[in-house]
Amino acid sequence: MRELVYYVAVTLDGFIAGPGGKFDAFLVEGDHMDGINARFADTIPTVAAEALGIEQRNDVFDTVLMGWNTYQVGGLPSPYRHLRQIVFSRAHTAEAENLEVTAEDPVEVVRRLKQEDGGAIWLCGGGALAATLADEIDRLVLKRQPLLFGSGIPLFGERPYRPERFDAVETTAYESGVVFSEFERRREN
């Protein structure tokens, strides 16, 4: 069964973007970029990877999920055209290479995707979509940035209090101050 992986940059105070979706303060230069390029090349927008000469093999992810605001951020009609892109929106439509915009229930879509053959499913954002899909997330990969935003879009949007346990898998700290932490959902036997 395929995994749903929430792979995202997050500030020390728990925001994936600032007010209005701003993310320009996140560190995009430094030794942590080598870790992204080596292990998570599929998460780099296709145009950027081509410009940098980074090969995207879809060896981790072959599908990316986004809410409309996350999709719209880069201004590209098909930001991850090397992946199957599914954008959730009840109010918007778009057409582009390997892009599907749907008003379907995200939980039902993810459950269906998990039954298909393929690689992991990348939950790119945003926080409201992550809150909706929280029970379906199998793995968290957080790129904790040495920043405080104070306000903005939280890692998980509003959801009821219900503690859930994830187990630490791996943590890598970089000189840039960015820390990659990977967690796996604890499955009760």
C-alpha atoms as a PDB file:
ATOM      1  CA  MET A   1       0.000   0.000   0.000  1.00  0.00           C
ATOM      2  CA  ARG A   2       1.243   3.478  -0.879  1.00  0.00           C
ATOM      3  CA  GLU A   3       2.067   5.955   1.866  1.00  0.00           C
ATOM      4  CA  LEU A   4       0.831   9.515   2.245  1.00  0.00           C
ATOM      5  CA  VAL A   5       3.836  11.638   3.211  1.00  0.00           C
ATOM      6  CA  TYR A   6       3.443  15.200   4.466  1.00  0.00           C
ATOM      7  CA  TYR A   7       6.784  16.684   3.391  1.00  0.00           C
ATOM      8  CA  VAL A   8       6.940  20.394   4.145  1.00  0.00           C
ATOM      9  CA  ALA A   9       9.082  23.256   5.422  1.00  0.00           C
ATOM     10  CA  VAL A  10       7.960  24.565   8.808  1.00  0.00           C
ATOM     11  CA  THR A  11       9.125  27.341  11.112  1.00  0.00           C
ATOM     12  CA  LEU A  12      10.084  26.785  14.732  1.00  0.00           C
ATOM     13  CA  ASP A  13       6.707  28.215  15.720  1.00  0.00           C
ATOM     14  CA  GLY A  14       4.813  25.817  13.463  1.00  0.00           C
ATOM     15  CA  PHE A  15       3.977  27.784  10.296  1.00  0.00           C
ATOM     16  CA  ILE A  16       4.335  26.536   6.722  1.00  0.00           C
ATOM     17  CA  ALA A  17       3.793  30.037   5.318  1.00  0.00           C
ATOM     18  CA  GLY A  18       3.340  33.534   6.606  1.00  0.00           C
ATOM     19  CA  PRO A  19       0.213  35.663   6.349  1.00  0.00           C
ATOM     20  CA  GLY A  20      -1.201  35.641   2.835  1.00  0.00           C
ATOM     21  CA  GLY A  21       0.824  32.535   1.976  1.00  0.00           C
ATOM     22  CA  LYS A  22       4.240  34.247   2.087  1.00  0.00           C
ATOM     23  CA  PHE A  23       7.135  31.817   2.169  1.00  0.00           C
ATOM     24  CA  ASP A  24      10.003  33.994   0.917  1.00  0.00           C
ATOM     25  CA  ALA A  25      11.768  33.962   4.305  1.00  0.00           C
ATOM     26  CA  PHE A  26      12.461  30.227   4.137  1.00  0.00           C
ATOM     27  CA  LEU A  27      16.130  29.424   3.540  1.00  0.00           C
ATOM     28  CA  VAL A  28      16.663  28.253  -0.037  1.00  0.00           C
ATOM     29  CA  GLU A  29      20.450  28.363   0.093  1.00  0.00           C
ATOM     30  CA  GLY A  30      22.710  26.363   2.362  1.00  0.00           C
ATOM     31  CA  ASP A  31      23.979  22.864   2.909  1.00  0.00           C
ATOM     32  CA  HIS A  32      20.455  21.530   3.561  1.00  0.00           C
ATOM     33  CA  MET A  33      19.697  22.011  -0.138  1.00  0.00           C
ATOM     34  CA  ASP A  34      22.061  19.129  -0.934  1.00  0.00           C
ATOM     35  CA  GLY A  35      19.870  16.870   1.231  1.00  0.00           C
ATOM     36  CA  ILE A  36      16.758  17.987  -0.615  1.00  0.00           C
ATOM     37  CA  ASN A  37      18.382  17.560  -4.014  1.00  0.00           C
ATOM     38  CA  ALA A  38      19.758  14.117  -3.195  1.00  0.00           C
ATOM     39  CA  ARG A  39      16.808  12.505  -1.441  1.00  0.00           C
ATOM     40  CA  PHE A  40      13.787  14.562  -2.402  1.00  0.00           C
ATOM     41  CA  ALA A  41      14.539  15.776  -5.932  1.00  0.00           C
ATOM     42  CA  ASP A  42      10.953  14.982  -6.904  1.00  0.00           C
ATOM     43  CA  THR A  43       9.763  17.821  -4.637  1.00  0.00           C
ATOM     44  CA  ILE A  44      11.584  20.484  -6.646  1.00  0.00           C
ATOM     45  CA  PRO A  45       9.413  22.208  -9.261  1.00  0.00           C
ATOM     46  CA  THR A  46      10.159  20.680 -12.660  1.00  0.00           C
ATOM     47  CA  VAL A  47      11.365  23.928 -14.243  1.00  0.00           C
ATOM     48  CA  ALA A  48      13.778  24.613 -11.359  1.00  0.00           C
ATOM     49  CA  ALA A  49      15.181  21.066 -11.460  1.00  0.00           C
ATOM     50  CA  GLU A  50      15.757  21.350 -15.204  1.00  0.00           C
ATOM     51  CA  ALA A  51      17.542  24.688 -14.771  1.00  0.00           C
ATOM     52  CA  LEU A  52      19.763  23.228 -12.023  1.00  0.00           C
ATOM     53  CA  GLY A  53      20.449  19.995 -13.926  1.00  0.00           C
ATOM     54  CA  ILE A  54      18.843  17.883 -11.197  1.00  0.00           C
ATOM     55  CA  GLU A  55      17.508  14.536 -12.353  1.00  0.00           C
ATOM     56  CA  GLN A  56      13.978  13.723 -11.210  1.00  0.00           C
ATOM     57  CA  ARG A  57      13.422   9.973 -11.231  1.00  0.00           C
ATOM     58  CA  ASN A  58      10.130   9.777  -9.313  1.00  0.00           C
ATOM     59  CA  ASP A  59      11.854   7.223  -7.085  1.00  0.00           C
ATOM     60  CA  VAL A  60      10.209   8.546  -3.910  1.00  0.00           C
ATOM     61  CA  PHE A  61       7.015  10.263  -5.029  1.00  0.00           C
ATOM     62  CA  ASP A  62       4.943   9.895  -8.171  1.00  0.00           C
ATOM     63  CA  THR A  63       1.912  11.904  -7.035  1.00  0.00           C
ATOM     64  CA  VAL A  64       1.578  15.296  -5.331  1.00  0.00           C
ATOM     65  CA  LEU A  65      -1.502  16.687  -3.551  1.00  0.00           C
ATOM     66  CA  MET A  66      -2.112  20.396  -3.083  1.00  0.00           C
ATOM     67  CA  GLY A  67      -4.833  22.736  -2.016  1.00  0.00           C
ATOM     68  CA  TRP A  68      -5.639  25.544  -4.476  1.00  0.00           C
ATOM     69  CA  ASN A  69      -3.625  28.203  -2.605  1.00  0.00           C
ATOM     70  CA  THR A  70      -0.519  26.017  -2.560  1.00  0.00           C
ATOM     71  CA  TYR A  71      -0.910  25.238  -6.256  1.00  0.00           C
ATOM     72  CA  GLN A  72      -1.320  28.907  -7.113  1.00  0.00           C
ATOM     73  CA  VAL A  73       1.791  30.108  -5.222  1.00  0.00           C
ATOM     74  CA  GLY A  74       4.377  29.469  -7.935  1.00  0.00           C
ATOM     75  CA  GLY A  75       2.303  30.829 -10.777  1.00  0.00           C
ATOM     76  CA  LEU A  76       3.156  27.845 -12.986  1.00  0.00           C
ATOM     77  CA  PRO A  77       0.311  25.969 -14.701  1.00  0.00           C
ATOM     78  CA  SER A  78       2.005  22.622 -13.995  1.00  0.00           C
ATOM     79  CA  PRO A  79       4.628  23.140 -11.266  1.00  0.00           C
ATOM     80  CA  TYR A  80       5.436  19.444 -10.821  1.00  0.00           C
ATOM     81  CA  ARG A  81       4.693  18.166 -14.303  1.00  0.00           C
ATOM     82  CA  HIS A  82       7.040  15.209 -13.689  1.00  0.00           C
ATOM     83  CA  LEU A  83       4.465  14.008 -11.117  1.00  0.00           C
ATOM     84  CA  ARG A  84       0.748  13.328 -11.169  1.00  0.00           C
ATOM     85  CA  GLN A  85      -0.634  16.533  -9.623  1.00  0.00           C
ATOM     86  CA  ILE A  86      -3.986  16.569  -7.844  1.00  0.00           C
ATOM     87  CA  VAL A  87      -5.281  19.949  -6.696  1.00  0.00           C
ATOM     88  CA  PHE A  88      -8.301  20.190  -4.414  1.00  0.00           C
ATOM     89  CA  SER A  89     -10.694  23.058  -5.023  1.00  0.00           C
ATOM     90  CA  ARG A  90     -14.455  23.515  -4.982  1.00  0.00           C
ATOM     91  CA  ALA A  91     -14.279  26.918  -6.686  1.00  0.00           C
ATOM     92  CA  HIS A  92     -11.454  26.786  -9.260  1.00  0.00           C
ATOM     93  CA  THR A  93     -10.441  24.818 -12.319  1.00  0.00           C
ATOM     94  CA  ALA A  94      -7.254  24.614 -14.353  1.00  0.00           C
ATOM     95  CA  GLU A  95      -5.847  22.519 -17.159  1.00  0.00           C
ATOM     96  CA  ALA A  96      -2.199  21.635 -17.647  1.00  0.00           C
ATOM     97  CA  GLU A  97       0.130  18.693 -18.164  1.00  0.00           C
ATOM     98  CA  ASN A  98      -0.341  15.958 -15.513  1.00  0.00           C
ATOM     99  CA  LEU A  99      -2.736  18.204 -13.569  1.00  0.00           C
ATOM    100  CA  GLU A 100      -6.126  17.276 -12.181  1.00  0.00           C
ATOM    101  CA  VAL A 101      -8.276  19.741 -10.240  1.00  0.00           C
ATOM    102  CA  THR A 102     -11.021  18.063  -8.245  1.00  0.00           C
ATOM    103  CA  ALA A 103     -13.810  18.995  -5.854  1.00  0.00           C
ATOM    104  CA  GLU A 104     -13.897  15.414  -4.509  1.00  0.00           C
ATOM    105  CA  ASP A 105     -13.466  14.666  -0.817  1.00  0.00           C
ATOM    106  CA  PRO A 106      -9.667  14.591  -0.219  1.00  0.00           C
ATOM    107  CA  VAL A 107      -9.957  11.645   2.199  1.00  0.00           C
ATOM    108  CA  GLU A 108     -11.760   9.525  -0.391  1.00  0.00           C
ATOM    109  CA  VAL A 109      -9.220  10.475  -3.074  1.00  0.00           C
ATOM    110  CA  VAL A 110      -6.282   9.531  -0.822  1.00  0.00           C
ATOM    111  CA  ARG A 111      -7.839   6.225   0.173  1.00  0.00           C
ATOM    112  CA  ARG A 112      -8.333   5.402  -3.509  1.00  0.00           C
ATOM    113  CA  LEU A 113      -4.760   6.472  -4.382  1.00  0.00           C
ATOM    114  CA  LYS A 114      -3.328   4.303  -1.602  1.00  0.00           C
ATOM    115  CA  GLN A 115      -4.907   1.252  -3.249  1.00  0.00           C
ATOM    116  CA  GLU A 116      -3.219   1.953  -6.600  1.00  0.00           C
ATOM    117  CA  ASP A 117       0.250   0.780  -7.566  1.00  0.00           C
ATOM    118  CA  GLY A 118       2.974   3.395  -7.444  1.00  0.00           C
ATOM    119  CA  GLY A 119       5.300   5.397  -5.267  1.00  0.00           C
ATOM    120  CA  ALA A 120       4.549   7.466  -2.212  1.00  0.00           C
ATOM    121  CA  ILE A 121       1.996  10.276  -2.342  1.00  0.00           C
ATOM    122  CA  TRP A 122       3.371  13.687  -1.392  1.00  0.00           C
ATOM    123  CA  LEU A 123       1.113  16.024   0.536  1.00  0.00           C
ATOM    124  CA  CYS A 124       2.649  19.367  -0.407  1.00  0.00           C
ATOM    125  CA  GLY A 125       0.191  21.632   1.421  1.00  0.00           C
ATOM    126  CA  GLY A 126      -1.513  23.573   2.714  1.00  0.00           C
ATOM    127  CA  GLY A 127      -2.367  23.445   6.365  1.00  0.00           C
ATOM    128  CA  ALA A 128      -6.140  23.127   5.934  1.00  0.00           C
ATOM    129  CA  LEU A 129      -5.702  20.193   3.542  1.00  0.00           C
ATOM    130  CA  ALA A 130      -3.224  18.616   5.994  1.00  0.00           C
ATOM    131  CA  ALA A 131      -5.800  18.925   8.780  1.00  0.00           C
ATOM    132  CA  THR A 132      -8.412  17.263   6.573  1.00  0.00           C
ATOM    133  CA  LEU A 133      -6.013  14.428   5.718  1.00  0.00           C
ATOM    134  CA  ALA A 134      -4.371  14.102   9.164  1.00  0.00           C
ATOM    135  CA  ASP A 135      -5.768  10.622   9.811  1.00  0.00           C
ATOM    136  CA  GLU A 136      -4.452   9.422   6.437  1.00  0.00           C
ATOM    137  CA  ILE A 137      -0.865  10.697   6.884  1.00  0.00           C
ATOM    138  CA  ASP A 138       1.553   7.801   7.270  1.00  0.00           C
ATOM    139  CA  ARG A 139       4.797   9.760   7.453  1.00  0.00           C
ATOM    140  CA  LEU A 140       5.868  13.327   8.265  1.00  0.00           C
ATOM    141  CA  VAL A 141       9.068  14.785   6.858  1.00  0.00           C
ATOM    142  CA  LEU A 142       9.552  18.223   8.350  1.00  0.00           C
ATOM    143  CA  LYS A 143      12.209  20.658   7.191  1.00  0.00           C
ATOM    144  CA  ARG A 144      12.342  22.748  10.363  1.00  0.00           C
ATOM    145  CA  GLN A 145      13.685  26.164   9.530  1.00  0.00           C
ATOM    146  CA  PRO A 146      15.489  28.333  12.128  1.00  0.00           C
ATOM    147  CA  LEU A 147      12.797  31.012  11.828  1.00  0.00           C
ATOM    148  CA  LEU A 148       9.847  32.406  13.736  1.00  0.00           C
ATOM    149  CA  PHE A 149       6.928  33.794  11.714  1.00  0.00           C
ATOM    150  CA  GLY A 150       4.614  34.736  14.564  1.00  0.00           C
ATOM    151  CA  SER A 151       1.536  34.178  12.416  1.00  0.00           C
ATOM    152  CA  GLY A 152       0.527  32.655   9.134  1.00  0.00           C
ATOM    153  CA  ILE A 153      -0.586  29.257   7.883  1.00  0.00           C
ATOM    154  CA  PRO A 154      -0.065  26.560  10.530  1.00  0.00           C
ATOM    155  CA  LEU A 155       1.397  23.135   9.787  1.00  0.00           C
ATOM    156  CA  PHE A 156      -2.049  21.704  10.454  1.00  0.00           C
ATOM    157  CA  GLY A 157      -5.141  23.836  10.244  1.00  0.00           C
ATOM    158  CA  GLU A 158      -7.930  23.653  12.785  1.00  0.00           C
ATOM    159  CA  ARG A 159      -8.681  20.171  14.026  1.00  0.00           C
ATOM    160  CA  PRO A 160     -10.121  18.724  17.228  1.00  0.00           C
ATOM    161  CA  TYR A 161      -7.872  17.841  20.136  1.00  0.00           C
ATOM    162  CA  ARG A 162      -6.928  14.208  19.654  1.00  0.00           C
ATOM    163  CA  PRO A 163      -3.314  13.267  20.406  1.00  0.00           C
ATOM    164  CA  GLU A 164      -1.751  10.913  17.860  1.00  0.00           C
ATOM    165  CA  ARG A 165       1.684   9.375  18.192  1.00  0.00           C
ATOM    166  CA  PHE A 166       4.383   9.380  15.528  1.00  0.00           C
ATOM    167  CA  ASP A 167       7.731   7.668  16.037  1.00  0.00           C
ATOM    168  CA  ALA A 168      11.005   9.319  15.110  1.00  0.00           C
ATOM    169  CA  VAL A 169      12.699   7.644  12.144  1.00  0.00           C
ATOM    170  CA  GLU A 170      15.614   9.922  11.326  1.00  0.00           C
ATOM    171  CA  THR A 171      16.882  13.442  12.024  1.00  0.00           C
ATOM    172  CA  THR A 172      19.573  15.313  10.128  1.00  0.00           C
ATOM    173  CA  ALA A 173      20.829  18.712  11.266  1.00  0.00           C
ATOM    174  CA  TYR A 174      22.572  21.001   8.795  1.00  0.00           C
ATOM    175  CA  GLU A 175      25.010  23.874   9.336  1.00  0.00           C
ATOM    176  CA  SER A 176      22.380  26.194   7.858  1.00  0.00           C
ATOM    177  CA  GLY A 177      20.257  25.533  10.955  1.00  0.00           C
ATOM    178  CA  VAL A 178      17.671  23.572   8.988  1.00  0.00           C
ATOM    179  CA  VAL A 179      16.784  20.226  10.562  1.00  0.00           C
ATOM    180  CA  PHE A 180      15.122  17.422   8.606  1.00  0.00           C
ATOM    181  CA  SER A 181      13.049  15.214  10.891  1.00  0.00           C
ATOM    182  CA  GLU A 182      11.193  12.173   9.675  1.00  0.00           C
ATOM    183  CA  PHE A 183       8.388  10.567  11.663  1.00  0.00           C
ATOM    184  CA  GLU A 184       6.253   7.500  11.025  1.00  0.00           C
ATOM    185  CA  ARG A 185       2.694   7.062  12.329  1.00  0.00           C
ATOM    186  CA  ARG A 186       2.615   4.640  15.236  1.00  0.00           C
ATOM    187  CA  ARG A 187       0.317   1.762  14.407  1.00  0.00           C
ATOM    188  CA  GLU A 188      -1.338   0.222  17.438  1.00  0.00           C
ATOM    189  CA  ASN A 189      -1.381  -3.564  17.301  1.00  0.00           C
END
